[in-house]
Amino acid sequence: MNPSPLITINTHQQKKLLQSTSSKKYQVIILLMLDCGLRVSEVIQLQSKHILFSENKIKIVSNTRAREIPLTQRLLQSLADYWLELQPNNLEDYIFPAGKNSKTPHLGRKQIWKKINQLSKGTINPTLLRNTFAQRILQENELSVAKE
C-alpha cells in the first residue's frame, strides 16, 4: 500500500500568496512555514534570541529537543525588513507580539490560520505550506535529511 501523496502548492500559488499581503509580518510568517517547515505553534513562540542572523539560521526549541534550520535568502531578506519595523528591545521579545489588549504575549494560532485562509481566499492553510516545504526537502535530499 502506497502512502498518500502530500498535498502541496506550486510556485505560482506561493508567489500569489506572498503578494496577497503588504504586511511584512505575514510575509515572514508565510515564509517561515514555506521555507523552514515550521508549525504555526513554533512560529508564534519565536523570540528574538531564536533568530541567528550571523549564522543564517533559526533555532527551534521544543520540549524534547532543539533544532537549527537554515534561512533561505528570500526569508532572510523578508525577516531583515520586518526586523526594522519590529525593533525588538531584548532577546526575550516575541517576534510576533500580540495586540495591546491581548491576554497572551504573542499572536494566536487561530489568528494565523484565519489570516492565511483569508489571504488565499480559502485555498491554502498552514499545513499546505509545511507540506510544500517537506516535498521540496524530499526532492532535494535524502529521506534522512528530511526526517531531521
C-alpha atoms as a PDB file:
ATOM      1  CA  MET A   1       0.000   0.000   0.000  1.00  0.00           C
ATOM      2  CA  ASN A   2       1.481   3.335  -1.074  1.00  0.00           C
ATOM      3  CA  PRO A   3       1.329   6.270   1.321  1.00  0.00           C
ATOM      4  CA  SER A   4      -0.934   9.063   0.150  1.00  0.00           C
ATOM      5  CA  PRO A   5       0.954  11.885  -1.593  1.00  0.00           C
ATOM      6  CA  LEU A   6       1.437  15.189   0.179  1.00  0.00           C
ATOM      7  CA  ILE A   7      -0.917  17.907  -0.923  1.00  0.00           C
ATOM      8  CA  THR A   8       1.238  20.925  -1.750  1.00  0.00           C
ATOM      9  CA  ILE A   9       1.057  24.266  -3.511  1.00  0.00           C
ATOM     10  CA  ASN A  10       3.015  25.168  -6.633  1.00  0.00           C
ATOM     11  CA  THR A  11       5.439  28.056  -7.153  1.00  0.00           C
ATOM     12  CA  HIS A  12       2.758  30.254  -8.727  1.00  0.00           C
ATOM     13  CA  GLN A  13       0.460  29.749  -5.715  1.00  0.00           C
ATOM     14  CA  GLN A  14       3.331  30.523  -3.344  1.00  0.00           C
ATOM     15  CA  LYS A  15       4.127  33.763  -5.142  1.00  0.00           C
ATOM     16  CA  LYS A  16       0.457  34.742  -5.296  1.00  0.00           C
ATOM     17  CA  LEU A  17       0.021  34.132  -1.552  1.00  0.00           C
ATOM     18  CA  LEU A  18       3.090  36.212  -0.699  1.00  0.00           C
ATOM     19  CA  GLN A  19       1.908  39.033  -2.964  1.00  0.00           C
ATOM     20  CA  SER A  20      -1.587  38.973  -1.445  1.00  0.00           C
ATOM     21  CA  THR A  21      -0.394  40.888   1.617  1.00  0.00           C
ATOM     22  CA  SER A  22       1.666  44.011   2.084  1.00  0.00           C
ATOM     23  CA  SER A  23       2.211  43.061   5.732  1.00  0.00           C
ATOM     24  CA  LYS A  24       5.882  42.307   6.357  1.00  0.00           C
ATOM     25  CA  LYS A  25       4.809  40.334   9.423  1.00  0.00           C
ATOM     26  CA  TYR A  26       2.580  37.932   7.470  1.00  0.00           C
ATOM     27  CA  GLN A  27       5.103  37.585   4.671  1.00  0.00           C
ATOM     28  CA  VAL A  28       7.655  36.401   7.257  1.00  0.00           C
ATOM     29  CA  ILE A  29       5.100  34.067   8.856  1.00  0.00           C
ATOM     30  CA  ILE A  30       4.264  32.510   5.481  1.00  0.00           C
ATOM     31  CA  LEU A  31       7.949  32.115   4.585  1.00  0.00           C
ATOM     32  CA  LEU A  32       8.777  30.522   7.945  1.00  0.00           C
ATOM     33  CA  MET A  33       6.260  27.777   7.192  1.00  0.00           C
ATOM     34  CA  LEU A  34       7.059  27.534   3.493  1.00  0.00           C
ATOM     35  CA  ASP A  35      10.878  27.755   3.597  1.00  0.00           C
ATOM     36  CA  CYS A  36      11.624  26.310   7.061  1.00  0.00           C
ATOM     37  CA  GLY A  37       8.668  23.975   7.559  1.00  0.00           C
ATOM     38  CA  LEU A  38       7.688  25.473  10.900  1.00  0.00           C
ATOM     39  CA  ARG A  39       4.410  24.607  12.572  1.00  0.00           C
ATOM     40  CA  VAL A  40       2.116  27.502  13.496  1.00  0.00           C
ATOM     41  CA  SER A  41       2.787  26.795  17.188  1.00  0.00           C
ATOM     42  CA  GLU A  42       6.550  27.112  16.532  1.00  0.00           C
ATOM     43  CA  VAL A  43       6.123  30.345  14.589  1.00  0.00           C
ATOM     44  CA  ILE A  44       4.131  32.119  17.300  1.00  0.00           C
ATOM     45  CA  GLN A  45       6.614  31.186  20.031  1.00  0.00           C
ATOM     46  CA  LEU A  46       9.673  32.573  18.234  1.00  0.00           C
ATOM     47  CA  GLN A  47      11.632  35.113  20.217  1.00  0.00           C
ATOM     48  CA  SER A  48      14.422  37.440  19.133  1.00  0.00           C
ATOM     49  CA  LYS A  49      17.010  35.080  20.631  1.00  0.00           C
ATOM     50  CA  HIS A  50      15.920  32.313  18.212  1.00  0.00           C
ATOM     51  CA  ILE A  51      16.962  34.224  15.086  1.00  0.00           C
ATOM     52  CA  LEU A  52      20.666  33.661  14.468  1.00  0.00           C
ATOM     53  CA  PHE A  53      21.361  36.254  11.769  1.00  0.00           C
ATOM     54  CA  SER A  54      25.134  35.754  11.936  1.00  0.00           C
ATOM     55  CA  GLU A  55      24.691  32.058  11.108  1.00  0.00           C
ATOM     56  CA  ASN A  56      21.696  32.460   8.747  1.00  0.00           C
ATOM     57  CA  LYS A  57      19.729  30.049  10.929  1.00  0.00           C
ATOM     58  CA  ILE A  58      16.692  29.901  13.102  1.00  0.00           C
ATOM     59  CA  LYS A  59      16.680  27.897  16.317  1.00  0.00           C
ATOM     60  CA  ILE A  60      13.536  25.993  17.205  1.00  0.00           C
ATOM     61  CA  VAL A  61      13.281  24.820  20.794  1.00  0.00           C
ATOM     62  CA  SER A  62      10.688  22.256  21.785  1.00  0.00           C
ATOM     63  CA  ASN A  63      10.099  20.245  24.945  1.00  0.00           C
ATOM     64  CA  THR A  64      12.098  17.315  23.591  1.00  0.00           C
ATOM     65  CA  ARG A  65      14.952  18.918  21.654  1.00  0.00           C
ATOM     66  CA  ALA A  66      16.266  21.903  19.745  1.00  0.00           C
ATOM     67  CA  ARG A  67      16.950  22.100  16.035  1.00  0.00           C
ATOM     68  CA  GLU A  68      18.519  24.706  13.799  1.00  0.00           C
ATOM     69  CA  ILE A  69      17.118  25.377  10.340  1.00  0.00           C
ATOM     70  CA  PRO A  70      18.917  27.381   7.649  1.00  0.00           C
ATOM     71  CA  LEU A  71      17.217  30.536   6.398  1.00  0.00           C
ATOM     72  CA  THR A  72      16.609  30.925   2.683  1.00  0.00           C
ATOM     73  CA  GLN A  73      17.707  34.174   1.040  1.00  0.00           C
ATOM     74  CA  ARG A  74      14.134  35.326   0.498  1.00  0.00           C
ATOM     75  CA  LEU A  75      13.257  34.616   4.140  1.00  0.00           C
ATOM     76  CA  LEU A  76      16.413  36.306   5.386  1.00  0.00           C
ATOM     77  CA  GLN A  77      15.600  39.447   3.349  1.00  0.00           C
ATOM     78  CA  SER A  78      11.969  39.445   4.438  1.00  0.00           C
ATOM     79  CA  LEU A  79      12.964  38.931   8.068  1.00  0.00           C
ATOM     80  CA  ALA A  80      15.510  41.772   7.893  1.00  0.00           C
ATOM     81  CA  ASP A  81      12.824  44.118   6.504  1.00  0.00           C
ATOM     82  CA  TYR A  82      10.369  43.082   9.221  1.00  0.00           C
ATOM     83  CA  TRP A  83      13.074  43.390  11.899  1.00  0.00           C
ATOM     84  CA  LEU A  84      13.444  47.106  11.109  1.00  0.00           C
ATOM     85  CA  GLU A  85       9.712  47.526  11.612  1.00  0.00           C
ATOM     86  CA  LEU A  86       9.601  45.346  14.756  1.00  0.00           C
ATOM     87  CA  GLN A  87      12.651  46.796  16.554  1.00  0.00           C
ATOM     88  CA  PRO A  88      12.768  44.291  19.427  1.00  0.00           C
ATOM     89  CA  ASN A  89      14.096  45.642  22.734  1.00  0.00           C
ATOM     90  CA  ASN A  90      15.557  42.446  24.139  1.00  0.00           C
ATOM     91  CA  LEU A  91      16.206  38.804  23.311  1.00  0.00           C
ATOM     92  CA  GLU A  92      13.057  37.631  25.117  1.00  0.00           C
ATOM     93  CA  ASP A  93      10.726  39.697  22.907  1.00  0.00           C
ATOM     94  CA  TYR A  94       8.368  37.679  20.748  1.00  0.00           C
ATOM     95  CA  ILE A  95       8.833  38.185  17.038  1.00  0.00           C
ATOM     96  CA  PHE A  96       5.080  38.228  16.503  1.00  0.00           C
ATOM     97  CA  PRO A  97       3.721  40.051  19.556  1.00  0.00           C
ATOM     98  CA  ALA A  98       0.027  40.157  20.296  1.00  0.00           C
ATOM     99  CA  GLY A  99      -2.076  43.273  20.224  1.00  0.00           C
ATOM    100  CA  LYS A 100      -2.291  45.667  23.168  1.00  0.00           C
ATOM    101  CA  ASN A 101      -5.351  44.146  24.847  1.00  0.00           C
ATOM    102  CA  SER A 102      -4.371  40.512  24.326  1.00  0.00           C
ATOM    103  CA  LYS A 103      -4.129  38.006  27.163  1.00  0.00           C
ATOM    104  CA  THR A 104      -1.172  36.278  25.504  1.00  0.00           C
ATOM    105  CA  PRO A 105       2.227  37.805  24.682  1.00  0.00           C
ATOM    106  CA  HIS A 106       2.215  36.602  21.055  1.00  0.00           C
ATOM    107  CA  LEU A 107      -0.140  36.065  18.131  1.00  0.00           C
ATOM    108  CA  GLY A 108      -2.504  33.127  18.422  1.00  0.00           C
ATOM    109  CA  ARG A 109      -2.628  30.018  16.232  1.00  0.00           C
ATOM    110  CA  LYS A 110      -6.200  30.683  15.118  1.00  0.00           C
ATOM    111  CA  GLN A 111      -5.318  34.217  14.062  1.00  0.00           C
ATOM    112  CA  ILE A 112      -2.615  32.940  11.704  1.00  0.00           C
ATOM    113  CA  TRP A 113      -4.817  30.164  10.280  1.00  0.00           C
ATOM    114  CA  LYS A 114      -7.601  32.688   9.684  1.00  0.00           C
ATOM    115  CA  LYS A 115      -5.286  35.241   8.018  1.00  0.00           C
ATOM    116  CA  ILE A 116      -3.685  32.708   5.642  1.00  0.00           C
ATOM    117  CA  ASN A 117      -7.121  31.360   4.761  1.00  0.00           C
ATOM    118  CA  GLN A 118      -8.326  34.917   4.115  1.00  0.00           C
ATOM    119  CA  LEU A 119      -5.281  35.852   2.006  1.00  0.00           C
ATOM    120  CA  SER A 120      -5.666  32.745  -0.158  1.00  0.00           C
ATOM    121  CA  LYS A 121      -9.444  33.057  -0.442  1.00  0.00           C
ATOM    122  CA  GLY A 122      -9.871  29.724   1.327  1.00  0.00           C
ATOM    123  CA  THR A 123      -7.494  27.666  -0.820  1.00  0.00           C
ATOM    124  CA  ILE A 124      -4.362  27.494   1.376  1.00  0.00           C
ATOM    125  CA  ASN A 125      -3.729  26.726   5.039  1.00  0.00           C
ATOM    126  CA  PRO A 126      -0.548  26.418   7.149  1.00  0.00           C
ATOM    127  CA  THR A 127      -0.488  22.636   6.746  1.00  0.00           C
ATOM    128  CA  LEU A 128      -0.193  23.015   2.959  1.00  0.00           C
ATOM    129  CA  LEU A 129       2.747  25.386   3.448  1.00  0.00           C
ATOM    130  CA  ARG A 130       4.520  22.866   5.680  1.00  0.00           C
ATOM    131  CA  ASN A 131       3.726  20.032   3.235  1.00  0.00           C
ATOM    132  CA  THR A 132       5.213  22.099   0.410  1.00  0.00           C
ATOM    133  CA  PHE A 133       8.399  22.524   2.425  1.00  0.00           C
ATOM    134  CA  ALA A 134       8.544  18.781   3.138  1.00  0.00           C
ATOM    135  CA  GLN A 135       8.045  17.907  -0.526  1.00  0.00           C
ATOM    136  CA  ARG A 136      10.856  20.269  -1.571  1.00  0.00           C
ATOM    137  CA  ILE A 137      13.229  18.808   1.010  1.00  0.00           C
ATOM    138  CA  LEU A 138      12.370  15.261  -0.104  1.00  0.00           C
ATOM    139  CA  GLN A 139      13.085  16.162  -3.724  1.00  0.00           C
ATOM    140  CA  GLU A 140      16.396  17.869  -2.904  1.00  0.00           C
ATOM    141  CA  ASN A 141      17.727  15.486  -0.245  1.00  0.00           C
ATOM    142  CA  GLU A 142      17.650  12.003   1.130  1.00  0.00           C
ATOM    143  CA  LEU A 143      14.832  10.882   3.405  1.00  0.00           C
ATOM    144  CA  SER A 144      17.131  11.053   6.451  1.00  0.00           C
ATOM    145  CA  VAL A 145      17.763  14.776   5.861  1.00  0.00           C
ATOM    146  CA  ALA A 146      14.036  15.448   5.519  1.00  0.00           C
ATOM    147  CA  LYS A 147      13.318  13.460   8.656  1.00  0.00           C
ATOM    148  CA  GLU A 148      15.810  15.549  10.659  1.00  0.00           C
END
